[in-house]
Amino acid sequence: MHKQTVDFPYLVSDSVVEEFRHKGFVVTDGVFALSMLEHYASAVDTEVALRTTDDLRKVEEKTIYEQSFVQCMRLWETNDIVRNLSCDAGLAGIAAQLLGVDGLHLWQDQALYKESGGRETDPHQDQTFWPIGDADLISAWIPFDAVTFENGAMAYVPGSHKAGGLKPVDITHSTEPYDILADPALAGAVPEWVAVNPGNVVWHNGFTVHQAAANTSANLRRVFTVVFVAAGSRRTKPWPAFPVDRARVPVGGLIEGDGLPVVWPSPKQPPSAPNVIGVPVGPQYKLDT
């Protein structure tokens, strides 16, 4: 597909596409007008508040994993305004251009709100958590606040996506996390810290090794992420994964169905919420949790 033949709401330059493919991450500027971003941020704030209203714990009282961020997944399924953000045609169109694919499904979205005093997020790859092999996967990291090293910026290991899937990192700390930065496949490459302002979006490949700094500021760091997977991708392993189990995708089956809507090419109407809704807070690995 030659991108100039498609009416993308946001056209990405060849240099940005090349940077993404070379480094495994890139920033796109001015994706959202600040007024629209504030509209979306307010909806995400409301949804996160509803889901966490009974949690009165201080940061230091939480588990090590929970100290990294307040995690609320699949907000598009329970909030119509957030659905418009997660299924935004401009956002999905950028993802399609960066991956060089004709179609995308929504894999998941999530709010990752790092509280003041929140710890760092351990270096890891996203894609090794899921039974999808080397499917084309990309994450949009959307800041609602200006993000610096002091309040929890992300860092990415340039070129690490080219190593493919490495040993998974247990970022929940139920076991000792693997020191992925010491993996020989990375050849000592150093993470690159990325400060970013609201309206801009940071993208990373599903195999790009990344981490986040602790929040040493006095304020909450609000970020929303959306993950897209290329149409035509297939499930490769039987181990549990909520999105494909909910959609009843067998090993070898196409990653599509309930809760995995097509978002590019942009549908005429936003997708309907799936029949089964996930847990309100925290990660979800199995269908029956």
C-alpha atoms as a PDB file:
ATOM      1  CA  MET A   1       0.000   0.000   0.000  1.00  0.00           C
ATOM      2  CA  HIS A   2       1.379   3.418  -0.971  1.00  0.00           C
ATOM      3  CA  LYS A   3       0.368   5.767   1.822  1.00  0.00           C
ATOM      4  CA  GLN A   4      -0.289   8.746  -0.466  1.00  0.00           C
ATOM      5  CA  THR A   5      -3.221   6.834  -1.994  1.00  0.00           C
ATOM      6  CA  VAL A   6      -4.976   6.675   1.385  1.00  0.00           C
ATOM      7  CA  ASP A   7      -6.744   9.599   3.058  1.00  0.00           C
ATOM      8  CA  PHE A   8      -4.922   9.578   6.384  1.00  0.00           C
ATOM      9  CA  PRO A   9      -6.189  12.200   8.872  1.00  0.00           C
ATOM     10  CA  TYR A  10      -2.560  12.642   9.994  1.00  0.00           C
ATOM     11  CA  LEU A  11       0.089  12.000   7.358  1.00  0.00           C
ATOM     12  CA  VAL A  12       3.415  10.774   8.716  1.00  0.00           C
ATOM     13  CA  SER A  13       6.582  11.776   6.887  1.00  0.00           C
ATOM     14  CA  ASP A  14       8.905   9.163   5.422  1.00  0.00           C
ATOM     15  CA  SER A  15      11.637  10.284   7.826  1.00  0.00           C
ATOM     16  CA  VAL A  16       9.430   9.609  10.856  1.00  0.00           C
ATOM     17  CA  VAL A  17       8.516   6.166   9.508  1.00  0.00           C
ATOM     18  CA  GLU A  18      12.191   5.412   8.922  1.00  0.00           C
ATOM     19  CA  GLU A  19      13.113   6.570  12.431  1.00  0.00           C
ATOM     20  CA  PHE A  20      10.457   4.300  13.925  1.00  0.00           C
ATOM     21  CA  ARG A  21      11.627   1.314  11.945  1.00  0.00           C
ATOM     22  CA  HIS A  22      15.272   1.963  12.775  1.00  0.00           C
ATOM     23  CA  LYS A  23      14.960   2.802  16.472  1.00  0.00           C
ATOM     24  CA  GLY A  24      11.709   1.034  17.418  1.00  0.00           C
ATOM     25  CA  PHE A  25      10.175   4.236  18.800  1.00  0.00           C
ATOM     26  CA  VAL A  26       9.355   7.739  17.609  1.00  0.00           C
ATOM     27  CA  VAL A  27       7.463  10.879  18.643  1.00  0.00           C
ATOM     28  CA  THR A  28       4.725  12.362  16.447  1.00  0.00           C
ATOM     29  CA  ASP A  29       4.010  16.008  17.140  1.00  0.00           C
ATOM     30  CA  GLY A  30       0.644  17.731  17.309  1.00  0.00           C
ATOM     31  CA  VAL A  31      -1.527  14.633  17.021  1.00  0.00           C
ATOM     32  CA  PHE A  32      -4.207  16.078  19.320  1.00  0.00           C
ATOM     33  CA  ALA A  33      -5.381  19.651  19.729  1.00  0.00           C
ATOM     34  CA  LEU A  34      -5.033  20.572  23.400  1.00  0.00           C
ATOM     35  CA  SER A  35      -8.764  21.300  23.762  1.00  0.00           C
ATOM     36  CA  MET A  36      -9.656  17.831  22.457  1.00  0.00           C
ATOM     37  CA  LEU A  37      -6.967  16.223  24.586  1.00  0.00           C
ATOM     38  CA  GLU A  38      -8.381  17.917  27.692  1.00  0.00           C
ATOM     39  CA  HIS A  39     -11.814  16.538  26.750  1.00  0.00           C
ATOM     40  CA  TYR A  40     -10.409  13.023  26.543  1.00  0.00           C
ATOM     41  CA  ALA A  41      -8.292  13.434  29.671  1.00  0.00           C
ATOM     42  CA  SER A  42     -11.345  14.480  31.674  1.00  0.00           C
ATOM     43  CA  ALA A  43     -13.186  11.331  30.562  1.00  0.00           C
ATOM     44  CA  VAL A  44     -10.239   9.100  31.465  1.00  0.00           C
ATOM     45  CA  ASP A  45      -9.882  10.871  34.823  1.00  0.00           C
ATOM     46  CA  THR A  46     -13.560  10.216  35.525  1.00  0.00           C
ATOM     47  CA  GLU A  47     -13.293   6.550  34.593  1.00  0.00           C
ATOM     48  CA  VAL A  48     -10.146   6.010  36.668  1.00  0.00           C
ATOM     49  CA  ALA A  49     -11.793   7.735  39.651  1.00  0.00           C
ATOM     50  CA  LEU A  50     -14.857   5.488  39.374  1.00  0.00           C
ATOM     51  CA  ARG A  51     -12.739   2.359  39.207  1.00  0.00           C
ATOM     52  CA  THR A  52     -10.476   3.273  42.114  1.00  0.00           C
ATOM     53  CA  THR A  53     -12.909   5.058  44.427  1.00  0.00           C
ATOM     54  CA  ASP A  54     -12.641   2.395  47.159  1.00  0.00           C
ATOM     55  CA  ASP A  55      -8.835   2.255  47.143  1.00  0.00           C
ATOM     56  CA  LEU A  56      -7.660   4.606  49.890  1.00  0.00           C
ATOM     57  CA  ARG A  57      -4.157   3.154  50.265  1.00  0.00           C
ATOM     58  CA  LYS A  58      -1.068   5.334  50.157  1.00  0.00           C
ATOM     59  CA  VAL A  59       1.589   4.520  47.561  1.00  0.00           C
ATOM     60  CA  GLU A  60       3.857   2.849  50.118  1.00  0.00           C
ATOM     61  CA  GLU A  61       1.019   0.539  51.213  1.00  0.00           C
ATOM     62  CA  LYS A  62       0.587  -0.947  47.747  1.00  0.00           C
ATOM     63  CA  THR A  63       2.345  -3.908  46.132  1.00  0.00           C
ATOM     64  CA  ILE A  64       5.600  -3.252  44.301  1.00  0.00           C
ATOM     65  CA  TYR A  65       3.772  -3.525  40.974  1.00  0.00           C
ATOM     66  CA  GLU A  66       1.008  -1.160  42.052  1.00  0.00           C
ATOM     67  CA  GLN A  67       3.611   1.376  43.187  1.00  0.00           C
ATOM     68  CA  SER A  68       4.673   1.761  39.550  1.00  0.00           C
ATOM     69  CA  PHE A  69       1.291   3.057  38.414  1.00  0.00           C
ATOM     70  CA  VAL A  70      -2.467   2.991  38.852  1.00  0.00           C
ATOM     71  CA  GLN A  71      -3.508   0.701  35.993  1.00  0.00           C
ATOM     72  CA  CYS A  72      -7.022   0.698  34.534  1.00  0.00           C
ATOM     73  CA  MET A  73      -7.420  -1.333  31.352  1.00  0.00           C
ATOM     74  CA  ARG A  74      -9.939  -1.363  28.499  1.00  0.00           C
ATOM     75  CA  LEU A  75     -11.603   1.923  29.334  1.00  0.00           C
ATOM     76  CA  TRP A  76     -13.056   2.074  25.828  1.00  0.00           C
ATOM     77  CA  GLU A  77     -15.404  -0.715  26.848  1.00  0.00           C
ATOM     78  CA  THR A  78     -17.082   1.289  29.617  1.00  0.00           C
ATOM     79  CA  ASN A  79     -16.822   4.934  28.527  1.00  0.00           C
ATOM     80  CA  ASP A  80     -18.087   6.297  25.208  1.00  0.00           C
ATOM     81  CA  ILE A  81     -15.753   9.316  25.178  1.00  0.00           C
ATOM     82  CA  VAL A  82     -12.708   7.154  25.834  1.00  0.00           C
ATOM     83  CA  ARG A  83     -13.916   4.858  23.052  1.00  0.00           C
ATOM     84  CA  ASN A  84     -13.629   7.761  20.638  1.00  0.00           C
ATOM     85  CA  LEU A  85     -10.037   8.291  21.764  1.00  0.00           C
ATOM     86  CA  SER A  86      -8.987   4.643  21.549  1.00  0.00           C
ATOM     87  CA  CYS A  87     -10.621   4.277  18.137  1.00  0.00           C
ATOM     88  CA  ASP A  88      -9.548   7.687  16.830  1.00  0.00           C
ATOM     89  CA  ALA A  89      -8.963   7.527  13.079  1.00  0.00           C
ATOM     90  CA  GLY A  90      -5.971   9.839  13.225  1.00  0.00           C
ATOM     91  CA  LEU A  91      -4.296   7.706  15.866  1.00  0.00           C
ATOM     92  CA  ALA A  92      -5.015   4.411  14.102  1.00  0.00           C
ATOM     93  CA  GLY A  93      -3.906   5.873  10.784  1.00  0.00           C
ATOM     94  CA  ILE A  94      -0.538   6.849  12.235  1.00  0.00           C
ATOM     95  CA  ALA A  95      -0.110   3.333  13.619  1.00  0.00           C
ATOM     96  CA  ALA A  96      -0.897   1.841  10.203  1.00  0.00           C
ATOM     97  CA  GLN A  97       1.677   4.083   8.516  1.00  0.00           C
ATOM     98  CA  LEU A  98       4.405   3.331  11.033  1.00  0.00           C
ATOM     99  CA  LEU A  99       3.856  -0.414  10.748  1.00  0.00           C
ATOM    100  CA  GLY A 100       3.263  -0.295   7.002  1.00  0.00           C
ATOM    101  CA  VAL A 101       0.061  -2.330   7.190  1.00  0.00           C
ATOM    102  CA  ASP A 102      -3.382  -1.996   5.602  1.00  0.00           C
ATOM    103  CA  GLY A 103      -5.493  -2.880   8.635  1.00  0.00           C
ATOM    104  CA  LEU A 104      -5.451  -2.808  12.419  1.00  0.00           C
ATOM    105  CA  HIS A 105      -7.394  -4.212  15.344  1.00  0.00           C
ATOM    106  CA  LEU A 106      -7.540  -2.599  18.746  1.00  0.00           C
ATOM    107  CA  TRP A 107      -5.687  -4.860  21.171  1.00  0.00           C
ATOM    108  CA  GLN A 108      -6.228  -2.890  24.380  1.00  0.00           C
ATOM    109  CA  ASP A 109      -6.111   0.520  25.974  1.00  0.00           C
ATOM    110  CA  GLN A 110      -5.176   1.503  29.504  1.00  0.00           C
ATOM    111  CA  ALA A 111      -4.655   4.430  31.828  1.00  0.00           C
ATOM    112  CA  LEU A 112      -1.245   4.372  33.503  1.00  0.00           C
ATOM    113  CA  TYR A 113      -1.309   7.050  36.188  1.00  0.00           C
ATOM    114  CA  LYS A 114       1.978   7.260  38.098  1.00  0.00           C
ATOM    115  CA  GLU A 115       1.373   8.767  41.528  1.00  0.00           C
ATOM    116  CA  SER A 116       3.726  11.155  43.260  1.00  0.00           C
ATOM    117  CA  GLY A 117       6.258   8.879  44.940  1.00  0.00           C
ATOM    118  CA  GLY A 118       5.546   6.077  42.470  1.00  0.00           C
ATOM    119  CA  ARG A 119       8.494   3.797  41.714  1.00  0.00           C
ATOM    120  CA  GLU A 120      10.121   3.197  38.349  1.00  0.00           C
ATOM    121  CA  THR A 121       8.604   0.782  35.857  1.00  0.00           C
ATOM    122  CA  ASP A 122      11.052  -2.061  35.179  1.00  0.00           C
ATOM    123  CA  PRO A 123      12.583  -2.427  31.681  1.00  0.00           C
ATOM    124  CA  HIS A 124      10.571  -4.902  29.628  1.00  0.00           C
ATOM    125  CA  GLN A 125       9.040  -5.776  26.265  1.00  0.00           C
ATOM    126  CA  ASP A 126       5.253  -5.729  25.900  1.00  0.00           C
ATOM    127  CA  GLN A 127       4.801  -8.368  23.244  1.00  0.00           C
ATOM    128  CA  THR A 128       6.363 -11.262  25.135  1.00  0.00           C
ATOM    129  CA  PHE A 129       3.443 -11.112  27.590  1.00  0.00           C
ATOM    130  CA  TRP A 130       1.015 -12.291  24.907  1.00  0.00           C
ATOM    131  CA  PRO A 131       0.662 -15.438  22.734  1.00  0.00           C
ATOM    132  CA  ILE A 132       0.883 -13.593  19.430  1.00  0.00           C
ATOM    133  CA  GLY A 133       4.375 -14.467  18.196  1.00  0.00           C
ATOM    134  CA  ASP A 134       5.965 -11.796  16.031  1.00  0.00           C
ATOM    135  CA  ALA A 135       2.718 -10.098  14.995  1.00  0.00           C
ATOM    136  CA  ASP A 136       3.041  -6.438  14.069  1.00  0.00           C
ATOM    137  CA  LEU A 137       2.148  -4.635  17.310  1.00  0.00           C
ATOM    138  CA  ILE A 138       2.478  -0.962  18.194  1.00  0.00           C
ATOM    139  CA  SER A 139       1.674   1.153  21.257  1.00  0.00           C
ATOM    140  CA  ALA A 140       0.669   4.794  21.383  1.00  0.00           C
ATOM    141  CA  TRP A 141       1.765   6.516  24.616  1.00  0.00           C
ATOM    142  CA  ILE A 142      -0.424   9.603  25.058  1.00  0.00           C
ATOM    143  CA  PRO A 143       0.543  12.054  27.826  1.00  0.00           C
ATOM    144  CA  PHE A 144      -2.131  14.223  29.426  1.00  0.00           C
ATOM    145  CA  ASP A 145       0.585  16.156  31.290  1.00  0.00           C
ATOM    146  CA  ALA A 146       4.046  17.345  30.317  1.00  0.00           C
ATOM    147  CA  VAL A 147       6.302  14.381  31.022  1.00  0.00           C
ATOM    148  CA  THR A 148       9.911  14.721  32.162  1.00  0.00           C
ATOM    149  CA  PHE A 149      12.400  12.408  33.829  1.00  0.00           C
ATOM    150  CA  GLU A 150      11.356  13.837  37.210  1.00  0.00           C
ATOM    151  CA  ASN A 151       7.713  12.752  36.900  1.00  0.00           C
ATOM    152  CA  GLY A 152       8.070   9.448  35.081  1.00  0.00           C
ATOM    153  CA  ALA A 153       9.269   9.784  31.497  1.00  0.00           C
ATOM    154  CA  MET A 154       9.753   6.720  29.363  1.00  0.00           C
ATOM    155  CA  ALA A 155      13.080   5.454  28.039  1.00  0.00           C
ATOM    156  CA  TYR A 156      13.513   3.152  25.050  1.00  0.00           C
ATOM    157  CA  VAL A 157      16.465   1.015  23.968  1.00  0.00           C
ATOM    158  CA  PRO A 158      17.144   2.043  20.356  1.00  0.00           C
ATOM    159  CA  GLY A 159      17.027  -0.872  17.941  1.00  0.00           C
ATOM    160  CA  SER A 160      16.011  -3.391  20.607  1.00  0.00           C
ATOM    161  CA  HIS A 161      12.935  -4.408  18.621  1.00  0.00           C
ATOM    162  CA  LYS A 162      15.225  -5.990  16.061  1.00  0.00           C
ATOM    163  CA  ALA A 163      16.259  -8.607  18.655  1.00  0.00           C
ATOM    164  CA  GLY A 164      12.731 -10.053  18.628  1.00  0.00           C
ATOM    165  CA  GLY A 165      11.214 -11.605  21.717  1.00  0.00           C
ATOM    166  CA  LEU A 166      13.603 -11.900  24.661  1.00  0.00           C
ATOM    167  CA  LYS A 167      13.006 -13.510  28.045  1.00  0.00           C
ATOM    168  CA  PRO A 168       9.802 -12.051  29.570  1.00  0.00           C
ATOM    169  CA  VAL A 169      10.209  -9.686  32.504  1.00  0.00           C
ATOM    170  CA  ASP A 170       7.937 -10.211  35.503  1.00  0.00           C
ATOM    171  CA  ILE A 171       7.059  -6.572  36.137  1.00  0.00           C
ATOM    172  CA  THR A 172       4.519  -7.673  38.751  1.00  0.00           C
ATOM    173  CA  HIS A 173       7.459  -8.781  40.936  1.00  0.00           C
ATOM    174  CA  SER A 174       5.782 -12.066  41.864  1.00  0.00           C
ATOM    175  CA  THR A 175       9.203 -13.429  40.876  1.00  0.00           C
ATOM    176  CA  GLU A 176      12.532 -11.650  40.493  1.00  0.00           C
ATOM    177  CA  PRO A 177      12.343  -9.626  37.245  1.00  0.00           C
ATOM    178  CA  TYR A 178      14.772 -10.603  34.505  1.00  0.00           C
ATOM    179  CA  ASP A 179      17.478  -7.989  33.911  1.00  0.00           C
ATOM    180  CA  ILE A 180      16.638  -7.514  30.252  1.00  0.00           C
ATOM    181  CA  LEU A 181      19.079  -4.625  29.803  1.00  0.00           C
ATOM    182  CA  ALA A 182      21.889  -7.128  30.396  1.00  0.00           C
ATOM    183  CA  ASP A 183      20.605  -9.494  27.695  1.00  0.00           C
ATOM    184  CA  PRO A 184      23.433 -10.188  25.212  1.00  0.00           C
ATOM    185  CA  ALA A 185      21.062  -9.508  22.310  1.00  0.00           C
ATOM    186  CA  LEU A 186      20.999  -5.823  23.263  1.00  0.00           C
ATOM    187  CA  ALA A 187      24.804  -5.585  23.091  1.00  0.00           C
ATOM    188  CA  GLY A 188      24.919  -3.043  25.898  1.00  0.00           C
ATOM    189  CA  ALA A 189      22.642  -0.516  24.197  1.00  0.00           C
ATOM    190  CA  VAL A 190      21.624   2.313  26.535  1.00  0.00           C
ATOM    191  CA  PRO A 191      17.979   3.413  27.029  1.00  0.00           C
ATOM    192  CA  GLU A 192      17.130   6.831  25.591  1.00  0.00           C
ATOM    193  CA  TRP A 193      14.920   9.044  27.771  1.00  0.00           C
ATOM    194  CA  VAL A 194      12.079  10.865  26.022  1.00  0.00           C
ATOM    195  CA  ALA A 195      10.442  13.986  27.442  1.00  0.00           C
ATOM    196  CA  VAL A 196       7.107  14.731  25.768  1.00  0.00           C
ATOM    197  CA  ASN A 197       4.399  17.390  25.891  1.00  0.00           C
ATOM    198  CA  PRO A 198       0.617  16.975  25.726  1.00  0.00           C
ATOM    199  CA  GLY A 199      -0.683  16.767  22.160  1.00  0.00           C
ATOM    200  CA  ASN A 200       2.305  14.709  21.061  1.00  0.00           C
ATOM    201  CA  VAL A 201       2.340  10.902  21.047  1.00  0.00           C
ATOM    202  CA  VAL A 202       5.231   8.500  21.607  1.00  0.00           C
ATOM    203  CA  TRP A 203       5.054   5.237  19.656  1.00  0.00           C
ATOM    204  CA  HIS A 204       6.943   2.022  20.283  1.00  0.00           C
ATOM    205  CA  ASN A 205       7.127  -1.375  18.649  1.00  0.00           C
ATOM    206  CA  GLY A 206       5.834  -4.345  20.618  1.00  0.00           C
ATOM    207  CA  PHE A 207       9.389  -5.693  20.958  1.00  0.00           C
ATOM    208  CA  THR A 208      11.073  -2.404  21.911  1.00  0.00           C
ATOM    209  CA  VAL A 209      12.581  -2.617  25.397  1.00  0.00           C
ATOM    210  CA  HIS A 210      11.307   0.296  27.466  1.00  0.00           C
ATOM    211  CA  GLN A 211      11.009   1.509  31.043  1.00  0.00           C
ATOM    212  CA  ALA A 212       9.723   4.513  32.991  1.00  0.00           C
ATOM    213  CA  ALA A 213      11.348   6.663  35.636  1.00  0.00           C
ATOM    214  CA  ALA A 214       9.992   7.093  39.145  1.00  0.00           C
ATOM    215  CA  ASN A 215       7.733  10.059  39.841  1.00  0.00           C
ATOM    216  CA  THR A 216       9.731  12.264  42.173  1.00  0.00           C
ATOM    217  CA  SER A 217       7.500  15.275  41.505  1.00  0.00           C
ATOM    218  CA  ALA A 218       4.608  16.398  43.697  1.00  0.00           C
ATOM    219  CA  ASN A 219       2.005  15.741  41.004  1.00  0.00           C
ATOM    220  CA  LEU A 220       0.263  12.796  39.360  1.00  0.00           C
ATOM    221  CA  ARG A 221       1.643  11.808  35.939  1.00  0.00           C
ATOM    222  CA  ARG A 222      -1.300  10.962  33.697  1.00  0.00           C
ATOM    223  CA  VAL A 223      -0.730   8.846  30.588  1.00  0.00           C
ATOM    224  CA  PHE A 224      -3.090   6.845  28.406  1.00  0.00           C
ATOM    225  CA  THR A 225      -1.934   4.095  26.060  1.00  0.00           C
ATOM    226  CA  VAL A 226      -3.553   2.404  23.089  1.00  0.00           C
ATOM    227  CA  VAL A 227      -2.180  -0.802  21.556  1.00  0.00           C
ATOM    228  CA  PHE A 228      -2.905  -1.881  17.986  1.00  0.00           C
ATOM    229  CA  VAL A 229      -2.215  -5.216  16.279  1.00  0.00           C
ATOM    230  CA  ALA A 230      -2.065  -5.732  12.524  1.00  0.00           C
ATOM    231  CA  ALA A 231      -5.055  -7.321  10.821  1.00  0.00           C
ATOM    232  CA  GLY A 232      -4.285 -10.869   9.726  1.00  0.00           C
ATOM    233  CA  SER A 233      -2.226 -11.646  12.825  1.00  0.00           C
ATOM    234  CA  ARG A 234      -2.755 -15.030  14.458  1.00  0.00           C
ATOM    235  CA  ARG A 235      -2.607 -16.515  17.925  1.00  0.00           C
ATOM    236  CA  THR A 236       0.524 -18.653  18.203  1.00  0.00           C
ATOM    237  CA  LYS A 237       0.375 -20.181  21.701  1.00  0.00           C
ATOM    238  CA  PRO A 238      -2.295 -21.730  23.965  1.00  0.00           C
ATOM    239  CA  TRP A 239      -1.320 -19.966  27.192  1.00  0.00           C
ATOM    240  CA  PRO A 240      -3.938 -17.660  28.689  1.00  0.00           C
ATOM    241  CA  ALA A 241      -4.403 -14.125  27.395  1.00  0.00           C
ATOM    242  CA  PHE A 242      -7.599 -12.243  28.099  1.00  0.00           C
ATOM    243  CA  PRO A 243      -8.156 -10.515  24.716  1.00  0.00           C
ATOM    244  CA  VAL A 244      -7.877 -13.654  22.582  1.00  0.00           C
ATOM    245  CA  ASP A 245      -9.572 -15.930  25.132  1.00  0.00           C
ATOM    246  CA  ARG A 246     -12.552 -13.581  25.397  1.00  0.00           C
ATOM    247  CA  ALA A 247     -12.858 -13.552  21.603  1.00  0.00           C
ATOM    248  CA  ARG A 248     -12.488 -17.367  21.567  1.00  0.00           C
ATOM    249  CA  VAL A 249      -9.494 -17.217  19.239  1.00  0.00           C
ATOM    250  CA  PRO A 250      -7.908 -20.686  18.940  1.00  0.00           C
ATOM    251  CA  VAL A 251      -4.212 -21.321  18.407  1.00  0.00           C
ATOM    252  CA  GLY A 252      -3.621 -20.544  14.753  1.00  0.00           C
ATOM    253  CA  GLY A 253      -6.775 -18.449  14.556  1.00  0.00           C
ATOM    254  CA  LEU A 254      -6.992 -14.836  13.428  1.00  0.00           C
ATOM    255  CA  ILE A 255      -6.843 -12.210  16.156  1.00  0.00           C
ATOM    256  CA  GLU A 256     -10.304 -10.763  15.713  1.00  0.00           C
ATOM    257  CA  GLY A 257     -13.746 -10.920  17.265  1.00  0.00           C
ATOM    258  CA  ASP A 258     -15.484  -9.596  20.366  1.00  0.00           C
ATOM    259  CA  GLY A 259     -13.350  -6.934  22.025  1.00  0.00           C
ATOM    260  CA  LEU A 260     -10.829  -6.842  19.141  1.00  0.00           C
ATOM    261  CA  PRO A 261     -12.545  -4.410  16.759  1.00  0.00           C
ATOM    262  CA  VAL A 262     -11.211  -3.161  13.438  1.00  0.00           C
ATOM    263  CA  VAL A 263     -10.005   0.428  13.887  1.00  0.00           C
ATOM    264  CA  TRP A 264      -8.193   0.850  10.559  1.00  0.00           C
ATOM    265  CA  PRO A 265      -9.486   1.371   7.950  1.00  0.00           C
ATOM    266  CA  SER A 266     -11.608   3.598  10.162  1.00  0.00           C
ATOM    267  CA  PRO A 267     -15.133   2.204  10.596  1.00  0.00           C
ATOM    268  CA  LYS A 268     -18.132   4.475  10.025  1.00  0.00           C
ATOM    269  CA  GLN A 269     -19.232   4.022  13.639  1.00  0.00           C
ATOM    270  CA  PRO A 270     -17.217   3.353  16.807  1.00  0.00           C
ATOM    271  CA  PRO A 271     -17.334  -0.324  17.793  1.00  0.00           C
ATOM    272  CA  SER A 272     -19.790  -1.617  20.340  1.00  0.00           C
ATOM    273  CA  ALA A 273     -18.628  -2.694  23.773  1.00  0.00           C
ATOM    274  CA  PRO A 274     -17.898  -6.429  24.040  1.00  0.00           C
ATOM    275  CA  ASN A 275     -20.270  -8.758  25.852  1.00  0.00           C
ATOM    276  CA  VAL A 276     -17.714  -9.598  28.559  1.00  0.00           C
ATOM    277  CA  ILE A 277     -16.038  -6.689  30.331  1.00  0.00           C
ATOM    278  CA  GLY A 278     -12.639  -7.009  31.967  1.00  0.00           C
ATOM    279  CA  VAL A 279     -11.606  -6.237  35.526  1.00  0.00           C
ATOM    280  CA  PRO A 280     -11.766  -2.536  36.487  1.00  0.00           C
ATOM    281  CA  VAL A 281      -8.252  -2.191  37.932  1.00  0.00           C
ATOM    282  CA  GLY A 282      -4.905  -3.884  37.402  1.00  0.00           C
ATOM    283  CA  PRO A 283      -3.645  -6.392  34.842  1.00  0.00           C
ATOM    284  CA  GLN A 284      -5.787  -9.233  33.564  1.00  0.00           C
ATOM    285  CA  TYR A 285      -4.248 -12.363  32.162  1.00  0.00           C
ATOM    286  CA  LYS A 286      -7.069 -14.881  32.315  1.00  0.00           C
ATOM    287  CA  LEU A 287     -10.640 -14.753  31.127  1.00  0.00           C
ATOM    288  CA  ASP A 288     -12.079 -15.960  34.449  1.00  0.00           C
ATOM    289  CA  THR A 289     -10.395 -13.403  36.762  1.00  0.00           C
END
